[in-house]
Amino acid sequence: MIRIKTFLFISMMLLQACLEETNPSFDEKAFTKIYDNYQFSASYFPIDIQQTSDGGYLILGGRRLATTTFTGIYLLKADKFGNFVGDEEIDESFVNPVGDLMKIGADYYFLCMDPLTLQTHVARVDGNGENFTATPVSTILTYPAAASLDGTNIIALSYNPVNLESVISIITSTGTVSSSKGYTIGAGEGVEEPIINHYLRTGRQFPFQTGKAGSLYFFNGFYNYTFSLVFTNISQDVPNGVVQGQQDDGGFSAAVPVSGNTFAAARFNFGDNFLLPKVSLNTSGTSSSTDLGGFTLPELTPNATVKVIRATHNSQNVLVFAANTKSNQVGLYFYDEMSGTFLGSRYVGYSNPLEVAAIKQTTEGDLIICATTFVGGRFGRFCLVKIPQSDIRL
């Protein structure tokens, strides 16, 4: 099944030369794991990760399918040391797994779709990634693009190719759609091409996202010919607020509400990247993301994937930005949440190229990074990196 290659620091290698047994507490606090597969030509990529109640980790991912251009569903469970426990390749009756991976009660949920009808389904698994079920949502919602949790409800973004609309919906864990509203992506030839290429993974992977800020819901997606951050109460025909990008060449890479209209965000514009640890967004009017400025980082890849989380470090509220760098590492950039002041940075990945998929803070206060690495420079595999809080000096 799965083989794990563990890459340890030279100091640990020297230590193991002297000791017959490793230190379990150290192994639990810090590790780097790559989950290889006996199917050499198979390709996997992670989407999101959750720490489970047993201290281990459940990873939602996708896999390349031979029979369709859509992405298959793949789940992997690791223990608290990062060691492989089990995996599940869901059959091709369901495709296009969409994060977030959300915990509701004792189970874990994500969105997927039927490859024939394109209908969105709410998928559920247990803490081991087993006992998969998929429930179709109660109204026609095709091409799921993003999901996040609001209490026990799911805020979903999907795409309607008939009406050419980005659709934001509130869905229960049992698939009931309580509210839904579609907003035009624009009309004309070619306007949906980047969206379809995203789903088929033949083009750029856009940072689709949903969330809630105060009383308004938001989605990061296409609206009126432009990749935009759209705020809505999901009742009006016109959005409450829109922060426009530059067609499909500019927009937000990530946006995390902090307080009121204040966000921690990142944006891209024609290949350049900008971090905005503290930015006030207009949620009740139309504005442009290009007017927001931000800190530029030339070391990042063009239009870099960026993940942002709120975390706590030594009783200090911090923001952690994780982004892909040109050196094939994951850069971590730390900012004070209240002031937006830069606190420090570090880089993950040396001998193997890494592309970040998700970053989370564990219940112990450590950071867990889920990324894609490549075997033979070609075949995608899951990589899990855990950094102890004690190793992060700000």
Protein backbone atom coordinates (compact mmCIF):
# COMPACT_ATOMS: atom_id res chain seq x y z
CA MET A 1 0.00 0.00 0.00
CA ILE A 2 1.79 3.10 1.26
CA ARG A 3 5.46 3.46 2.06
CA ILE A 4 6.62 6.34 4.19
CA LYS A 5 9.96 8.04 3.68
CA THR A 6 11.02 9.93 6.78
CA PHE A 7 13.56 12.70 6.38
CA LEU A 8 15.23 13.62 9.63
CA PHE A 9 17.64 16.37 10.48
CA ILE A 10 21.34 15.43 10.50
CA SER A 11 21.40 15.91 14.24
CA MET A 12 18.69 13.31 14.65
CA MET A 13 20.60 10.91 12.41
CA LEU A 14 23.65 11.27 14.61
CA LEU A 15 21.52 10.81 17.69
CA GLN A 16 19.99 7.63 16.32
CA ALA A 17 23.47 6.28 15.64
CA CYS A 18 24.07 6.42 19.37
CA LEU A 19 20.65 5.34 20.62
CA GLU A 20 18.73 2.19 19.83
CA GLU A 21 15.35 3.84 20.35
CA THR A 22 14.00 7.23 19.31
CA ASN A 23 12.37 9.62 21.74
CA PRO A 24 8.58 9.22 21.27
CA SER A 25 7.79 12.66 22.67
CA PHE A 26 10.20 14.26 20.18
CA ASP A 27 8.80 12.19 17.30
CA GLU A 28 5.32 13.38 18.17
CA LYS A 29 6.36 17.03 18.32
CA ALA A 30 8.37 17.28 15.09
CA PHE A 31 8.32 15.20 11.94
CA THR A 32 8.36 15.28 8.16
CA LYS A 33 6.58 12.46 6.35
CA ILE A 34 6.14 11.64 2.68
CA TYR A 35 3.52 9.03 1.86
CA ASP A 36 4.68 7.06 -1.16
CA ASN A 37 2.58 4.58 -3.11
CA TYR A 38 3.31 1.27 -4.80
CA GLN A 39 1.47 2.58 -7.88
CA PHE A 40 4.45 4.57 -9.10
CA SER A 41 2.59 6.41 -11.86
CA ALA A 42 -0.37 7.31 -9.62
CA SER A 43 -0.64 10.97 -8.66
CA TYR A 44 -2.19 12.41 -5.49
CA PHE A 45 -2.54 15.91 -4.11
CA PRO A 46 -3.80 17.03 -0.67
CA ILE A 47 -6.64 19.52 -0.28
CA ASP A 48 -7.14 19.96 3.46
CA ILE A 49 -6.29 18.39 6.81
CA GLN A 50 -7.92 18.02 10.21
CA GLN A 51 -6.47 16.81 13.48
CA THR A 52 -8.66 13.99 14.77
CA SER A 53 -9.79 13.28 18.31
CA ASP A 54 -7.10 10.59 18.75
CA GLY A 55 -4.37 13.14 18.04
CA GLY A 56 -3.80 11.86 14.51
CA TYR A 57 -4.53 13.50 11.19
CA LEU A 58 -7.09 13.01 8.44
CA ILE A 59 -6.13 14.33 5.01
CA LEU A 60 -8.58 14.96 2.19
CA GLY A 61 -7.05 14.80 -1.25
CA GLY A 62 -7.57 14.15 -4.91
CA ARG A 63 -6.17 11.55 -7.28
CA ARG A 64 -5.72 11.33 -11.00
CA LEU A 65 -8.21 9.04 -12.74
CA ALA A 66 -7.59 7.13 -15.95
CA THR A 67 -11.24 7.10 -17.05
CA THR A 68 -12.21 10.76 -16.65
CA THR A 69 -10.69 14.22 -16.62
CA PHE A 70 -12.30 14.89 -13.25
CA THR A 71 -10.36 14.32 -10.04
CA GLY A 72 -11.02 11.28 -7.85
CA ILE A 73 -11.38 11.30 -4.05
CA TYR A 74 -8.57 10.10 -1.80
CA LEU A 75 -8.40 10.08 2.01
CA LEU A 76 -5.40 9.26 4.20
CA LYS A 77 -5.22 8.74 7.96
CA ALA A 78 -1.97 9.22 9.92
CA ASP A 79 -1.38 8.76 13.63
CA LYS A 80 -0.08 11.47 15.98
CA PHE A 81 3.51 10.65 14.94
CA GLY A 82 2.61 11.10 11.27
CA ASN A 83 2.82 7.36 10.62
CA PHE A 84 0.52 5.92 7.98
CA VAL A 85 -2.62 4.25 9.36
CA GLY A 86 -4.80 3.72 6.31
CA ASP A 87 -6.16 5.20 3.11
CA GLU A 88 -9.33 5.14 1.05
CA GLU A 89 -9.73 5.56 -2.70
CA ILE A 90 -13.40 6.37 -3.18
CA ASP A 91 -14.87 4.81 -6.32
CA GLU A 92 -15.41 6.94 -9.40
CA SER A 93 -19.14 7.37 -8.75
CA PHE A 94 -18.11 10.56 -6.97
CA VAL A 95 -15.42 13.02 -8.07
CA ASN A 96 -14.12 16.55 -7.57
CA PRO A 97 -13.47 16.62 -3.80
CA VAL A 98 -13.77 20.15 -2.43
CA GLY A 99 -12.51 21.50 0.89
CA ASP A 100 -12.64 22.66 3.54
CA LEU A 101 -12.56 19.34 5.37
CA MET A 102 -15.07 20.20 8.09
CA LYS A 103 -15.73 18.53 11.44
CA ILE A 104 -19.39 18.35 12.45
CA GLY A 105 -20.02 16.25 15.54
CA ALA A 106 -17.79 13.19 15.43
CA ASP A 107 -17.59 13.04 11.63
CA TYR A 108 -15.85 14.91 8.82
CA TYR A 109 -17.52 16.49 5.82
CA PHE A 110 -16.56 17.84 2.41
CA LEU A 111 -18.24 18.42 -0.94
CA CYS A 112 -18.00 16.33 -4.09
CA MET A 113 -20.09 15.74 -7.21
CA ASP A 114 -21.62 13.11 -9.45
CA PRO A 115 -19.52 12.97 -12.65
CA LEU A 116 -22.61 12.34 -14.81
CA THR A 117 -25.17 14.79 -13.41
CA LEU A 118 -22.55 17.21 -11.97
CA GLN A 119 -24.79 17.53 -8.90
CA THR A 120 -23.16 18.58 -5.63
CA HIS A 121 -23.13 16.02 -2.81
CA VAL A 122 -22.29 16.36 0.88
CA ALA A 123 -19.72 13.67 1.68
CA ARG A 124 -19.19 12.27 5.17
CA VAL A 125 -16.48 10.03 6.65
CA ASP A 126 -15.47 9.03 10.16
CA GLY A 127 -12.24 9.98 11.92
CA ASN A 128 -10.34 7.24 10.06
CA GLY A 129 -11.55 8.38 6.65
CA GLU A 130 -13.81 5.33 6.46
CA ASN A 131 -17.57 4.67 6.12
CA PHE A 132 -17.94 7.12 3.24
CA THR A 133 -21.42 8.36 2.37
CA ALA A 134 -22.51 11.03 -0.11
CA THR A 135 -25.87 12.79 0.03
CA PRO A 136 -27.13 14.88 -2.92
CA VAL A 137 -28.07 18.44 -1.97
CA SER A 138 -31.78 19.22 -2.09
CA THR A 139 -31.67 21.66 -5.03
CA ILE A 140 -29.72 21.66 -8.27
CA LEU A 141 -26.20 22.87 -7.48
CA THR A 142 -23.52 21.85 -9.96
CA TYR A 143 -19.73 22.08 -9.93
CA PRO A 144 -18.90 22.65 -6.23
CA ALA A 145 -15.90 24.96 -5.86
CA ALA A 146 -15.38 25.74 -2.16
CA ALA A 147 -16.87 25.10 1.27
CA SER A 148 -16.45 26.33 4.84
CA LEU A 149 -18.18 25.81 8.15
CA ASP A 150 -20.64 28.18 9.83
CA GLY A 151 -21.73 26.49 13.05
CA THR A 152 -23.09 23.18 11.80
CA ASN A 153 -23.98 24.51 8.35
CA ILE A 154 -21.84 24.51 5.22
CA ILE A 155 -21.25 27.69 3.20
CA ALA A 156 -20.84 26.38 -0.34
CA LEU A 157 -19.73 27.96 -3.59
CA SER A 158 -20.70 26.28 -6.84
CA TYR A 159 -20.89 27.10 -10.53
CA ASN A 160 -24.03 27.09 -12.70
CA PRO A 161 -22.93 26.64 -16.35
CA VAL A 162 -26.47 27.13 -17.68
CA ASN A 163 -27.02 30.56 -16.16
CA LEU A 164 -23.29 31.40 -16.05
CA GLU A 165 -23.46 32.15 -12.32
CA SER A 166 -21.34 31.75 -9.21
CA VAL A 167 -23.76 30.38 -6.62
CA ILE A 168 -23.37 30.72 -2.86
CA SER A 169 -25.53 28.46 -0.69
CA ILE A 170 -26.12 27.44 2.90
CA ILE A 171 -26.37 23.66 3.22
CA THR A 172 -26.98 21.44 6.24
CA SER A 173 -24.85 18.36 6.85
CA THR A 174 -27.76 16.26 5.55
CA GLY A 175 -27.85 18.11 2.23
CA THR A 176 -30.77 20.48 2.77
CA VAL A 177 -30.24 23.83 1.03
CA SER A 178 -31.73 26.53 3.28
CA SER A 179 -30.75 29.51 1.09
CA SER A 180 -28.99 30.08 -2.20
CA LYS A 181 -28.23 32.95 -4.57
CA GLY A 182 -26.48 33.10 -7.92
CA TYR A 183 -24.43 36.01 -9.29
CA THR A 184 -23.46 36.40 -12.94
CA ILE A 185 -19.91 35.72 -14.05
CA GLY A 186 -20.63 37.75 -17.19
CA ALA A 187 -21.75 36.80 -20.68
CA GLY A 188 -19.94 36.11 -23.92
CA GLU A 189 -17.54 33.59 -25.39
CA GLY A 190 -14.62 32.48 -23.29
CA VAL A 191 -15.85 33.93 -20.00
CA GLU A 192 -16.18 30.50 -18.38
CA GLU A 193 -13.07 28.96 -19.91
CA PRO A 194 -10.81 29.54 -16.86
CA ILE A 195 -13.50 28.05 -14.60
CA ILE A 196 -13.85 24.85 -16.63
CA ASN A 197 -10.07 24.54 -16.90
CA HIS A 198 -9.92 24.77 -13.11
CA TYR A 199 -12.30 21.82 -12.71
CA LEU A 200 -10.50 19.73 -15.30
CA ARG A 201 -7.12 20.72 -13.81
CA THR A 202 -5.93 21.70 -17.28
CA GLY A 203 -5.40 25.32 -16.27
CA ARG A 204 -4.73 27.51 -13.29
CA GLN A 205 -6.17 26.39 -9.94
CA PHE A 206 -8.07 29.39 -8.58
CA PRO A 207 -8.27 30.07 -4.82
CA PHE A 208 -12.04 29.71 -4.54
CA GLN A 209 -13.18 30.31 -0.96
CA THR A 210 -16.27 30.94 1.17
CA GLY A 211 -16.73 32.41 4.63
CA LYS A 212 -18.67 34.75 6.87
CA ALA A 213 -17.75 38.22 8.12
CA GLY A 214 -20.18 39.65 10.65
CA SER A 215 -23.69 39.30 9.25
CA LEU A 216 -22.53 38.88 5.64
CA TYR A 217 -21.38 35.81 3.79
CA PHE A 218 -18.63 36.04 1.22
CA PHE A 219 -17.13 34.08 -1.61
CA ASN A 220 -13.90 34.42 -3.53
CA GLY A 221 -14.79 33.63 -7.11
CA PHE A 222 -15.90 34.95 -10.45
CA TYR A 223 -18.41 37.81 -10.64
CA ASN A 224 -19.07 40.18 -13.53
CA TYR A 225 -16.07 39.06 -15.65
CA THR A 226 -13.64 39.36 -12.74
CA PHE A 227 -12.21 37.16 -10.00
CA SER A 228 -13.60 39.05 -7.01
CA LEU A 229 -14.28 38.89 -3.29
CA VAL A 230 -18.08 39.17 -3.07
CA PHE A 231 -20.09 39.95 0.09
CA THR A 232 -23.77 39.05 0.25
CA ASN A 233 -26.67 38.38 2.59
CA ILE A 234 -27.79 35.65 0.15
CA SER A 235 -31.12 37.34 -0.46
CA GLN A 236 -30.47 40.39 -2.66
CA ASP A 237 -30.06 40.03 -6.41
CA VAL A 238 -27.08 42.40 -6.25
CA PRO A 239 -24.14 41.74 -3.87
CA ASN A 240 -23.78 43.94 -0.79
CA GLY A 241 -20.14 44.55 -1.60
CA VAL A 242 -17.52 43.58 -4.17
CA VAL A 243 -13.74 43.90 -4.09
CA GLN A 244 -12.85 43.46 -7.74
CA GLY A 245 -9.76 41.84 -9.15
CA GLN A 246 -8.31 42.07 -12.67
CA GLN A 247 -10.40 39.64 -14.75
CA ASP A 248 -8.63 36.30 -14.06
CA ASP A 249 -5.21 37.95 -13.65
CA GLY A 250 -5.76 39.54 -10.25
CA GLY A 251 -7.72 39.11 -7.05
CA PHE A 252 -7.42 37.59 -3.59
CA SER A 253 -5.33 34.49 -2.90
CA ALA A 254 -6.83 34.20 0.59
CA ALA A 255 -8.97 36.23 2.99
CA VAL A 256 -9.55 35.56 6.69
CA PRO A 257 -11.91 37.75 8.76
CA VAL A 258 -10.29 39.06 11.94
CA SER A 259 -12.69 41.65 13.36
CA GLY A 260 -15.50 43.61 11.74
CA ASN A 261 -14.31 44.66 8.28
CA THR A 262 -10.67 43.90 9.13
CA PHE A 263 -9.14 40.95 7.31
CA ALA A 264 -5.84 39.15 7.01
CA ALA A 265 -5.46 38.59 3.30
CA ALA A 266 -3.18 37.98 0.35
CA ARG A 267 -3.69 39.04 -3.23
CA PHE A 268 -2.16 38.42 -6.65
CA ASN A 269 -1.91 40.69 -9.65
CA PHE A 270 -0.41 39.62 -12.99
CA GLY A 271 2.01 37.25 -11.24
CA ASP A 272 2.96 39.51 -8.34
CA ASN A 273 1.99 38.65 -4.76
CA PHE A 274 1.06 40.91 -1.86
CA LEU A 275 0.50 40.04 1.81
CA LEU A 276 -1.98 42.17 3.76
CA PRO A 277 -1.83 41.15 7.45
CA LYS A 278 -4.23 43.94 8.41
CA VAL A 279 -6.53 45.39 5.79
CA SER A 280 -9.96 47.02 6.00
CA LEU A 281 -12.29 45.89 3.21
CA ASN A 282 -15.37 47.67 1.93
CA THR A 283 -18.14 45.11 2.41
CA SER A 284 -20.96 47.44 1.34
CA GLY A 285 -19.74 48.93 -1.93
CA THR A 286 -17.51 48.35 -4.93
CA SER A 287 -13.74 48.68 -4.66
CA SER A 288 -10.62 47.29 -6.31
CA SER A 289 -8.05 44.93 -4.82
CA THR A 290 -5.29 46.77 -6.72
CA ASP A 291 -5.80 49.80 -4.45
CA LEU A 292 -5.00 47.82 -1.30
CA GLY A 293 -1.21 47.71 -1.57
CA GLY A 294 0.43 45.10 0.62
CA PHE A 295 3.89 43.67 1.28
CA THR A 296 5.54 42.26 -1.83
CA LEU A 297 7.65 39.11 -1.65
CA PRO A 298 9.67 38.51 -4.84
CA GLU A 299 10.66 35.07 -3.52
CA LEU A 300 7.13 33.73 -4.04
CA THR A 301 6.09 31.89 -7.18
CA PRO A 302 3.94 33.88 -9.65
CA ASN A 303 0.33 34.02 -8.43
CA ALA A 304 1.42 31.89 -5.48
CA THR A 305 -0.84 29.65 -3.47
CA VAL A 306 -1.22 31.33 -0.07
CA LYS A 307 -2.89 29.98 3.07
CA VAL A 308 -3.62 32.16 6.10
CA ILE A 309 -4.59 31.11 9.62
CA ARG A 310 -5.11 32.83 12.94
CA ALA A 311 -3.01 31.19 15.66
CA THR A 312 -1.67 31.66 19.17
CA HIS A 313 2.03 31.70 19.96
CA ASN A 314 3.16 32.10 23.57
CA SER A 315 -0.17 33.77 24.45
CA GLN A 316 0.20 36.19 21.52
CA ASN A 317 -2.41 36.26 18.74
CA VAL A 318 -0.57 35.89 15.45
CA LEU A 319 -1.32 35.46 11.77
CA VAL A 320 0.53 32.77 9.84
CA PHE A 321 0.87 33.04 6.07
CA ALA A 322 2.08 29.93 4.23
CA ALA A 323 3.06 30.35 0.58
CA ASN A 324 4.94 28.61 -2.22
CA THR A 325 8.39 29.99 -3.00
CA LYS A 326 10.52 29.90 -6.15
CA SER A 327 12.99 27.65 -4.31
CA ASN A 328 10.26 24.96 -4.06
CA GLN A 329 9.87 25.52 -0.33
CA VAL A 330 6.92 26.63 1.75
CA GLY A 331 7.57 30.03 3.29
CA LEU A 332 5.98 30.80 6.66
CA TYR A 333 5.48 34.47 7.52
CA PHE A 334 4.31 35.54 10.97
CA TYR A 335 2.53 38.80 11.84
CA ASP A 336 1.03 40.24 15.00
CA GLU A 337 -2.74 40.01 14.63
CA MET A 338 -3.57 43.32 16.29
CA SER A 339 -0.97 45.59 14.70
CA GLY A 340 -0.07 43.70 11.52
CA THR A 341 3.61 43.97 12.47
CA PHE A 342 5.97 41.45 10.90
CA LEU A 343 7.37 39.06 13.51
CA GLY A 344 9.52 36.61 11.59
CA SER A 345 9.71 33.90 8.94
CA ARG A 346 11.00 30.42 8.31
CA TYR A 347 11.09 27.98 5.41
CA VAL A 348 10.01 24.37 5.14
CA GLY A 349 11.37 21.85 2.65
CA TYR A 350 14.94 21.33 1.50
CA SER A 351 15.61 18.02 -0.22
CA ASN A 352 12.12 17.64 -1.71
CA PRO A 353 9.99 20.28 -3.48
CA LEU A 354 6.86 21.29 -1.57
CA GLU A 355 3.63 23.02 -2.58
CA VAL A 356 1.40 24.04 0.32
CA ALA A 357 -2.18 22.76 0.50
CA ALA A 358 -3.15 23.58 4.09
CA ILE A 359 -1.75 24.77 7.39
CA LYS A 360 -3.38 24.32 10.80
CA GLN A 361 -2.51 24.80 14.45
CA THR A 362 -2.84 21.63 16.50
CA THR A 363 -4.54 21.40 19.87
CA GLU A 364 -1.04 21.39 21.41
CA GLY A 365 -0.18 24.70 19.72
CA ASP A 366 2.16 23.24 17.08
CA LEU A 367 1.89 23.89 13.34
CA ILE A 368 0.99 21.13 10.90
CA ILE A 369 1.60 21.74 7.20
CA CYS A 370 0.07 19.57 4.51
CA ALA A 371 1.74 19.85 1.13
CA THR A 372 2.31 18.16 -2.20
CA THR A 373 5.73 16.78 -3.04
CA PHE A 374 6.81 14.91 -6.15
CA VAL A 375 8.39 11.49 -6.65
CA GLY A 376 10.80 11.45 -9.56
CA GLY A 377 9.90 15.07 -10.11
CA ARG A 378 6.60 13.97 -11.66
CA PHE A 379 4.20 12.06 -9.44
CA GLY A 380 2.40 13.92 -6.67
CA ARG A 381 2.42 12.57 -3.12
CA PHE A 382 1.17 13.80 0.26
CA CYS A 383 3.72 15.37 2.60
CA LEU A 384 3.08 16.22 6.25
CA VAL A 385 5.36 18.51 8.27
CA LYS A 386 4.91 19.22 11.96
CA ILE A 387 6.73 22.14 13.60
CA PRO A 388 6.72 22.36 17.41
CA GLN A 389 5.69 25.68 18.88
CA SER A 390 8.97 25.68 20.81
CA ASP A 391 10.87 25.74 17.49
CA ILE A 392 9.12 28.92 16.36
CA ARG A 393 10.99 31.92 17.74
CA LEU A 394 9.38 35.26 17.03
